C-alpha cells in the first residue's frame, strides 16, 4: 500500500535537487532529471505522458558580421490570449561562425 497522497492537478512544488518549480505529481524533475519518488510502490498505475508540442531550431551566425546577442523567452497564454507567465530562460551571444540549437517541448501528464 502506498502512503503517498494523490497530487492535485496543476499543484506545484520545488525540486529538492535544482530548486526548479515542478509539478507535485512529477516522479522525475524535468529540469535536472533527478528522481523524486523512490519510496512509492511500482505496482501503481503508470503515468501516461506525451509531447503535445515539439519545436526544434538552429540559428547560425554568418561569417564576417558583428556579434549577436539573444534571449530565449517563453510565454504562456490562456484560451483568451491573456498572458499567464513570461520568463527569460536563457541568454547568450554568438560570434562569427557560431551556432546554437534550441529545443522546446510541452509534455502532458496524467497525474
Protein backbone atom coordinates (compact mmCIF):
# COMPACT_ATOMS: atom_id res chain seq x y z
CA UNK A 1 0.00 0.00 0.00
CA UNK A 2 1.36 3.38 -0.97
CA UNK A 3 1.42 6.08 1.68
CA UNK A 4 1.85 8.85 -0.89
CA UNK A 5 -1.04 11.26 -1.10
CA UNK A 6 -2.55 11.91 -4.51
CA UNK A 7 -1.46 15.18 -6.11
CA UNK A 8 -3.96 17.86 -7.07
CA UNK A 9 -3.79 18.53 -10.83
CA UNK A 10 -1.60 21.57 -11.51
CA UNK A 11 -0.24 21.86 -7.97
CA UNK A 12 3.46 22.67 -7.84
CA UNK A 13 6.43 22.14 -5.56
CA UNK A 14 10.16 22.85 -5.58
CA UNK A 15 12.65 20.21 -6.77
CA UNK A 16 14.95 19.37 -3.85
CA UNK A 17 17.90 18.96 -6.24
CA UNK A 18 17.83 22.01 -8.53
CA UNK A 19 15.16 24.24 -6.88
CA UNK A 20 13.07 24.45 -10.08
CA UNK A 21 9.31 24.81 -9.77
CA UNK A 22 7.82 21.49 -10.92
CA UNK A 23 4.52 19.60 -10.80
CA UNK A 24 3.78 17.92 -7.47
CA UNK A 25 2.95 14.69 -9.33
CA UNK A 26 6.39 14.50 -11.01
CA UNK A 27 8.46 11.40 -10.33
CA UNK A 28 11.46 12.81 -12.21
CA UNK A 29 12.35 16.52 -12.35
CA UNK A 30 12.07 17.75 -15.97
CA UNK A 31 14.83 20.32 -15.35
CA UNK A 32 17.61 18.28 -13.69
CA UNK A 33 16.28 14.73 -14.36
CA UNK A 34 16.65 13.93 -10.66
CA UNK A 35 14.50 11.10 -9.27
CA UNK A 36 11.98 12.35 -6.74
CA UNK A 37 9.82 9.42 -5.64
CA UNK A 38 11.94 6.47 -4.54
CA UNK A 39 9.59 5.10 -1.88
CA UNK A 40 6.43 4.69 -3.98
CA UNK A 41 5.02 1.35 -4.98
CA UNK A 42 5.90 0.31 -8.51
CA UNK A 43 2.62 -1.56 -8.87
CA UNK A 44 0.54 1.61 -9.17
CA UNK A 45 -0.86 2.84 -12.47
CA UNK A 46 1.64 4.15 -14.97
CA UNK A 47 1.68 7.88 -15.56
CA UNK A 48 0.74 8.47 -19.19
CA UNK A 49 2.59 11.32 -20.89
CA UNK A 50 3.10 12.61 -24.37
CA UNK A 51 4.69 15.57 -26.05
CA UNK A 52 1.90 17.92 -27.15
CA UNK A 53 4.37 20.31 -28.80
CA UNK A 54 7.93 19.85 -30.04
CA UNK A 55 9.84 22.66 -31.78
CA UNK A 56 13.50 22.45 -32.77
CA UNK A 57 15.58 25.09 -34.45
CA UNK A 58 19.12 26.32 -35.04
CA UNK A 59 20.47 29.82 -35.56
CA UNK A 60 23.80 30.31 -37.27
CA UNK A 61 25.84 33.48 -37.19
CA UNK A 62 27.12 34.49 -40.64
CA UNK A 63 30.81 34.99 -41.27
CA UNK A 64 32.32 38.48 -41.01
CA UNK A 65 29.36 40.02 -39.16
CA UNK A 66 29.25 41.75 -35.79
CA UNK A 67 28.35 39.59 -32.75
CA UNK A 68 24.71 38.80 -31.98
CA UNK A 69 23.08 38.60 -28.58
CA UNK A 70 19.97 36.51 -27.92
CA UNK A 71 17.34 35.94 -25.23
CA UNK A 72 15.18 32.80 -25.07
CA UNK A 73 11.73 33.87 -23.84
CA UNK A 74 8.82 31.52 -23.06
CA UNK A 75 5.31 32.99 -22.87
CA UNK A 76 2.23 31.01 -21.78
CA UNK A 77 -1.24 32.33 -22.63
CA UNK A 78 -4.70 31.09 -21.69
CA UNK A 79 -7.54 30.36 -24.14
CA UNK A 80 -8.48 34.09 -24.23
CA UNK A 81 -4.95 35.10 -25.22
CA UNK A 82 -4.17 36.61 -21.82
CA UNK A 83 -0.58 36.21 -20.69
CA UNK A 84 -0.26 33.86 -17.72
CA UNK A 85 3.52 33.90 -17.42
CA UNK A 86 6.56 35.14 -19.31
CA UNK A 87 10.10 34.07 -18.45
CA UNK A 88 13.56 34.51 -19.86
CA UNK A 89 15.05 31.02 -19.72
CA UNK A 90 18.42 31.74 -21.29
CA UNK A 91 20.64 34.41 -22.79
CA UNK A 92 23.87 34.38 -24.75
CA UNK A 93 25.85 35.66 -27.67
CA UNK A 94 27.07 34.35 -31.00
CA UNK A 95 30.35 35.22 -32.62
CA UNK A 96 31.22 34.76 -36.29
CA UNK A 97 30.64 31.14 -37.48
CA UNK A 98 28.98 30.03 -34.20
CA UNK A 99 25.62 28.28 -33.96
CA UNK A 100 23.08 27.45 -31.23
CA UNK A 101 20.34 24.83 -31.33
CA UNK A 102 17.11 25.16 -29.34
CA UNK A 103 14.52 22.51 -28.42
CA UNK A 104 11.20 23.50 -26.86
CA UNK A 105 8.68 20.88 -25.77
CA UNK A 106 5.43 20.78 -23.85
CA UNK A 107 4.90 17.46 -22.08
CA UNK A 108 1.43 16.48 -20.89
CA UNK A 109 0.96 14.21 -17.85
CA UNK A 110 -1.95 12.37 -16.32
CA UNK A 111 -1.44 12.64 -12.54
